Amino acid sequence: MTGSEVPHSFRLAYVPGVTPSKWVRIWNERLPDVPLTLVAVSPIEAFGVLRAGGADAGFVRLPVDRDDLSAIPLYTETTVVVVPKDHLVAAAEEVSTEDLADEIVFHPLDDTLAWEQLPGKPAIERPETTADAIELVAAGVGVLVVPQSLARLHHRKDLTYRPVTDAPASRVALSWPQEETTDLVEEFIGIVRGRTVNSTRGRAPTPPQPKAKRKRPETGTGGGGQRKSGGAKTSSGKPTGKNPRGAAGGGAKGGKGGKGGKPRRRP
């Protein structure tokens, strides 16, 4: 850790449409002693929360000011148009911005799409939030172009959505203050990037366990010892020429048994 005390928790901010449950589950498995606290923020306030220390890291939508914030782009979303189920657009598999030329297209204040030119006709007033714009779409006033995750987040039975082929796309990134890249931030970066628990940039790998030493067999006169070669010897070390096993020990020849030491039967 960069500080002398272990923090009580890791605070993770996230904007609407992002579902951090998968990464939270992995965090809880790897660091059960450091609870992860989720902080829901709007796209407008997300960067201010990170700069003010309200969260250690956060899932945000690009662009990110790289002067004081670091960011790792994660994925790009499909852009869709939300319409009533009985709208003409609902009959198509996908549409272009030209297909929306005659529609009132809402542009809420929390919109995160980088439009060079807004499609369709502008509304009299900009809705304050995406949720407000969804209500207007449900009332049949106009349509709304948003990232697909937001269309799912604000799902209604009377609404549907279709992909817009030439609309700008929203990119989701993990961001954190550059001067606050703590060990826990690095840990979460590793989780998001799919590093294993024993990765060199993750937590310290488990040290290898020493292998158990194999015992050498004892060389005594017991059953597990080595067998001595050769027959009986005299005190000078020369062989005696006698069979150490004796006549009844199964030598080459036995006493009266002839060859092979087998006795003959009498007729």
Protein backbone atom coordinates (compact mmCIF):
# COMPACT_ATOMS: atom_id res chain seq x y z
CA MET A 1 0.00 0.00 0.00
CA THR A 2 1.14 3.57 -0.54
CA GLY A 3 -0.05 4.55 2.93
CA SER A 4 0.73 3.03 6.30
CA GLU A 5 -2.88 1.96 6.95
CA VAL A 6 -5.00 -0.47 4.98
CA PRO A 7 -8.19 1.30 3.81
CA HIS A 8 -11.52 0.03 5.16
CA SER A 9 -12.89 -0.41 1.64
CA PHE A 10 -12.31 0.21 -2.04
CA ARG A 11 -14.75 2.74 -3.51
CA LEU A 12 -15.79 2.11 -7.11
CA ALA A 13 -17.88 4.67 -8.99
CA TYR A 14 -19.95 3.72 -12.04
CA VAL A 15 -22.14 5.59 -14.49
CA PRO A 16 -25.62 4.43 -15.61
CA GLY A 17 -25.56 1.54 -18.04
CA VAL A 18 -22.40 -0.06 -16.64
CA THR A 19 -22.89 -3.32 -14.73
CA PRO A 20 -19.85 -3.91 -12.48
CA SER A 21 -21.18 -7.08 -10.79
CA LYS A 22 -18.72 -9.45 -12.52
CA TRP A 23 -15.67 -7.50 -11.37
CA VAL A 24 -17.11 -6.99 -7.89
CA ARG A 25 -17.55 -10.75 -7.51
CA ILE A 26 -13.91 -11.43 -8.47
CA TRP A 27 -12.76 -8.69 -6.07
CA ASN A 28 -14.69 -10.27 -3.18
CA GLU A 29 -13.14 -13.65 -3.96
CA ARG A 30 -9.57 -12.31 -4.05
CA LEU A 31 -9.73 -9.64 -1.35
CA PRO A 32 -12.41 -10.67 1.15
CA ASP A 33 -10.76 -8.50 3.81
CA VAL A 34 -11.22 -5.30 1.75
CA PRO A 35 -14.93 -4.62 1.07
CA LEU A 36 -15.76 -2.95 -2.23
CA THR A 37 -18.26 -0.08 -2.01
CA LEU A 38 -20.18 0.93 -5.14
CA VAL A 39 -20.83 4.63 -5.79
CA ALA A 40 -23.49 5.40 -8.42
CA VAL A 41 -22.74 8.66 -10.27
CA SER A 42 -24.09 10.47 -13.30
CA PRO A 43 -21.85 10.89 -16.38
CA ILE A 44 -21.59 14.61 -15.63
CA GLU A 45 -20.43 14.26 -12.02
CA ALA A 46 -18.26 11.13 -12.42
CA PHE A 47 -14.95 12.94 -12.99
CA GLY A 48 -15.56 15.41 -10.17
CA VAL A 49 -16.14 12.51 -7.78
CA LEU A 50 -12.82 10.94 -8.78
CA ARG A 51 -10.90 14.21 -8.44
CA ALA A 52 -12.45 14.96 -5.05
CA GLY A 53 -11.53 11.55 -3.66
CA GLY A 54 -15.11 10.33 -3.51
CA ALA A 55 -14.06 7.12 -5.25
CA ASP A 56 -10.76 5.30 -5.79
CA ALA A 57 -11.64 4.41 -9.39
CA GLY A 58 -14.68 4.47 -11.62
CA PHE A 59 -16.31 3.20 -14.78
CA VAL A 60 -16.89 6.29 -16.94
CA ARG A 61 -17.64 7.18 -20.51
CA LEU A 62 -14.93 8.63 -22.72
CA PRO A 63 -13.51 11.17 -23.34
CA VAL A 64 -11.41 11.57 -20.17
CA ASP A 65 -9.19 14.55 -19.35
CA ARG A 66 -5.75 12.89 -19.28
CA ASP A 67 -4.07 15.85 -17.54
CA ASP A 68 -4.88 14.44 -14.11
CA LEU A 69 -6.85 11.25 -14.75
CA SER A 70 -5.71 7.91 -16.09
CA ALA A 71 -8.04 5.79 -18.18
CA ILE A 72 -8.12 2.32 -19.72
CA PRO A 73 -10.70 1.94 -22.52
CA LEU A 74 -12.67 -1.28 -22.04
CA TYR A 75 -15.36 -1.65 -24.69
CA THR A 76 -17.48 0.23 -27.22
CA GLU A 77 -21.27 0.09 -27.11
CA THR A 78 -23.77 -0.14 -29.92
CA THR A 79 -25.85 3.01 -30.36
CA VAL A 80 -29.63 2.52 -30.69
CA VAL A 81 -32.74 4.61 -31.16
CA VAL A 82 -35.55 4.14 -28.63
CA VAL A 83 -39.06 4.31 -30.11
CA PRO A 84 -42.61 3.20 -29.23
CA LYS A 85 -43.36 -0.38 -30.27
CA ASP A 86 -45.90 0.77 -32.85
CA HIS A 87 -43.44 3.21 -34.49
CA LEU A 88 -42.40 2.68 -38.13
CA VAL A 89 -38.77 2.29 -37.05
CA ALA A 90 -39.73 -0.80 -35.05
CA ALA A 91 -40.42 -2.64 -38.33
CA ALA A 92 -36.75 -2.32 -39.43
CA GLU A 93 -33.75 -4.33 -38.21
CA GLU A 94 -31.54 -1.22 -38.17
CA VAL A 95 -31.73 2.42 -39.27
CA SER A 96 -29.47 5.32 -40.21
CA THR A 97 -29.56 8.90 -38.99
CA GLU A 98 -31.17 9.88 -42.31
CA ASP A 99 -34.12 7.67 -41.43
CA LEU A 100 -34.68 9.91 -38.39
CA ALA A 101 -34.66 13.16 -40.36
CA ASP A 102 -38.37 13.81 -39.84
CA GLU A 103 -38.39 12.76 -36.18
CA ILE A 104 -38.00 14.92 -33.07
CA VAL A 105 -34.82 13.51 -31.54
CA PHE A 106 -34.27 14.31 -27.87
CA HIS A 107 -30.85 15.42 -26.71
CA PRO A 108 -30.80 15.19 -22.89
CA LEU A 109 -28.32 17.17 -20.83
CA ASP A 110 -26.60 14.00 -19.65
CA ASP A 111 -26.10 12.69 -23.21
CA THR A 112 -22.63 11.16 -23.70
CA LEU A 113 -22.60 10.72 -27.50
CA ALA A 114 -20.14 12.96 -29.32
CA TRP A 115 -22.40 14.29 -32.07
CA GLU A 116 -20.92 16.40 -34.86
CA GLN A 117 -24.42 17.08 -36.07
CA LEU A 118 -27.57 16.07 -34.20
CA PRO A 119 -29.98 13.94 -36.23
CA GLY A 120 -33.63 14.73 -36.77
CA LYS A 121 -35.47 17.78 -35.50
CA PRO A 122 -34.54 19.34 -32.14
CA ALA A 123 -37.06 19.43 -29.32
CA ILE A 124 -38.22 22.76 -27.88
CA GLU A 125 -36.33 22.03 -24.66
CA ARG A 126 -33.59 19.56 -23.80
CA PRO A 127 -34.67 16.98 -21.20
CA GLU A 128 -32.56 17.14 -18.06
CA THR A 129 -31.84 13.40 -17.91
CA THR A 130 -32.07 10.33 -20.09
CA ALA A 131 -34.84 9.03 -17.84
CA ASP A 132 -36.88 12.17 -18.56
CA ALA A 133 -36.34 11.70 -22.29
CA ILE A 134 -37.55 8.10 -22.06
CA GLU A 135 -40.81 9.32 -20.54
CA LEU A 136 -41.30 11.69 -23.47
CA VAL A 137 -40.64 8.89 -25.96
CA ALA A 138 -43.25 6.75 -24.20
CA ALA A 139 -45.69 9.65 -24.56
CA GLY A 140 -45.15 9.61 -28.33
CA VAL A 141 -43.50 13.04 -28.47
CA GLY A 142 -40.24 11.98 -30.15
CA VAL A 143 -37.39 9.43 -30.19
CA LEU A 144 -34.11 9.08 -28.32
CA VAL A 145 -30.66 7.91 -29.49
CA VAL A 146 -28.54 6.39 -26.69
CA PRO A 147 -25.98 3.66 -25.96
CA GLN A 148 -27.65 0.26 -25.90
CA SER A 149 -26.98 -0.29 -22.19
CA LEU A 150 -29.06 2.80 -21.36
CA ALA A 151 -31.92 1.55 -23.52
CA ARG A 152 -31.84 -1.68 -21.52
CA LEU A 153 -31.56 0.18 -18.22
CA HIS A 154 -34.71 2.20 -18.99
CA HIS A 155 -36.60 -0.67 -20.57
CA ARG A 156 -40.37 -0.37 -20.79
CA LYS A 157 -42.91 -2.81 -22.21
CA ASP A 158 -44.28 -0.18 -24.56
CA LEU A 159 -40.86 0.76 -26.00
CA THR A 160 -38.28 -0.96 -28.17
CA TYR A 161 -34.99 0.00 -29.83
CA ARG A 162 -33.06 -0.56 -33.05
CA PRO A 163 -29.34 -0.07 -33.92
CA VAL A 164 -28.34 3.18 -35.64
CA THR A 165 -25.59 2.30 -38.11
CA ASP A 166 -23.90 5.68 -38.54
CA ALA A 167 -24.33 7.23 -35.08
CA PRO A 168 -21.33 7.94 -32.84
CA ALA A 169 -20.60 5.17 -30.33
CA SER A 170 -20.01 5.46 -26.60
CA ARG A 171 -16.84 3.96 -25.10
CA VAL A 172 -16.65 2.81 -21.49
CA ALA A 173 -13.35 3.12 -19.60
CA LEU A 174 -11.91 2.54 -16.15
CA SER A 175 -10.53 5.81 -14.78
CA TRP A 176 -8.74 6.96 -11.62
CA PRO A 177 -6.62 9.95 -10.45
CA GLN A 178 -3.08 9.66 -11.76
CA GLU A 179 -1.52 10.59 -8.42
CA GLU A 180 -3.60 7.99 -6.57
CA THR A 181 -2.54 4.81 -8.33
CA THR A 182 -2.51 2.72 -5.15
CA ASP A 183 -1.91 -1.00 -4.80
CA LEU A 184 -5.66 -1.54 -4.58
CA VAL A 185 -6.20 0.40 -7.80
CA GLU A 186 -3.57 -1.78 -9.47
CA GLU A 187 -5.36 -4.82 -8.06
CA PHE A 188 -8.64 -3.74 -9.61
CA ILE A 189 -6.96 -2.93 -12.92
CA GLY A 190 -5.65 -6.49 -12.95
CA ILE A 191 -9.13 -7.87 -12.33
CA VAL A 192 -10.65 -5.80 -15.13
CA ARG A 193 -7.89 -6.84 -17.52
CA GLY A 194 -8.36 -10.49 -16.66
CA ARG A 195 -5.09 -11.12 -14.86
CA THR A 196 -4.93 -14.24 -12.71
CA VAL A 197 -4.48 -14.10 -8.96
CA ASN A 198 -0.80 -15.13 -9.32
CA SER A 199 0.00 -12.53 -12.00
CA THR A 200 3.25 -10.62 -11.44
CA ARG A 201 1.34 -7.31 -11.57
CA GLY A 202 -1.41 -8.58 -9.34
CA ARG A 203 -1.02 -9.84 -5.81
CA ALA A 204 2.23 -11.50 -4.82
CA PRO A 205 2.32 -15.05 -6.21
CA THR A 206 2.24 -17.98 -3.80
CA PRO A 207 5.87 -19.04 -3.07
CA PRO A 208 6.76 -22.54 -4.26
CA GLN A 209 6.67 -25.16 -1.52
CA PRO A 210 9.92 -27.14 -0.85
CA LYS A 211 9.85 -30.70 -2.10
CA ALA A 212 10.06 -33.47 0.49
CA LYS A 213 13.43 -35.24 0.52
CA ARG A 214 13.41 -38.91 -0.39
CA LYS A 215 14.93 -41.20 2.22
CA ARG A 216 17.79 -43.39 1.09
CA PRO A 217 17.43 -47.12 1.85
CA GLU A 218 19.55 -48.33 4.74
CA THR A 219 22.35 -50.81 3.89
CA GLY A 220 22.21 -53.03 6.96
CA THR A 221 21.64 -56.78 7.15
CA GLY A 222 17.86 -56.39 7.28
CA GLY A 223 15.46 -57.18 4.46
CA GLY A 224 15.81 -53.66 2.96
CA GLY A 225 19.62 -53.67 2.86
CA GLN A 226 21.92 -54.46 -0.02
CA ARG A 227 22.84 -58.07 -0.56
CA LYS A 228 26.54 -58.90 -0.27
CA SER A 229 28.04 -60.70 -3.21
CA GLY A 230 30.20 -63.76 -3.10
CA GLY A 231 30.31 -66.84 -0.83
CA ALA A 232 31.98 -67.49 2.53
CA LYS A 233 35.52 -66.22 3.04
CA THR A 234 38.39 -66.95 5.41
CA SER A 235 39.91 -64.40 7.74
CA SER A 236 42.37 -63.50 4.97
CA GLY A 237 39.52 -62.60 2.63
CA LYS A 238 39.88 -65.64 0.28
CA PRO A 239 36.87 -67.77 -0.57
CA THR A 240 36.68 -71.11 1.26
CA GLY A 241 35.23 -72.99 -1.72
CA LYS A 242 32.31 -74.22 0.38
CA ASN A 243 28.71 -73.65 -0.36
CA PRO A 244 27.54 -71.21 2.32
CA ARG A 245 24.00 -72.47 1.99
CA GLY A 246 24.87 -76.03 2.90
CA ALA A 247 23.99 -79.25 1.12
CA ALA A 248 20.29 -78.90 1.76
CA GLY A 249 20.16 -75.31 0.49
CA GLY A 250 19.40 -76.19 -3.15
CA GLY A 251 22.95 -76.11 -4.59
CA ALA A 252 24.00 -77.36 -8.02
CA LYS A 253 24.18 -80.98 -6.78
CA GLY A 254 22.74 -82.63 -3.68
CA GLY A 255 24.14 -85.69 -1.84
CA LYS A 256 22.60 -88.92 -3.17
CA GLY A 257 20.11 -87.32 -5.50
CA GLY A 258 22.23 -87.42 -8.65
CA LYS A 259 22.01 -84.56 -11.08
CA GLY A 260 19.97 -81.61 -10.05
CA GLY A 261 19.91 -82.89 -6.43
CA LYS A 262 16.74 -84.96 -7.04
CA PRO A 263 16.57 -88.39 -5.30
CA ARG A 264 16.02 -91.49 -7.43
CA ARG A 265 13.06 -93.78 -6.85
CA ARG A 266 13.76 -97.37 -6.05
CA PRO A 267 12.32 -99.88 -8.51
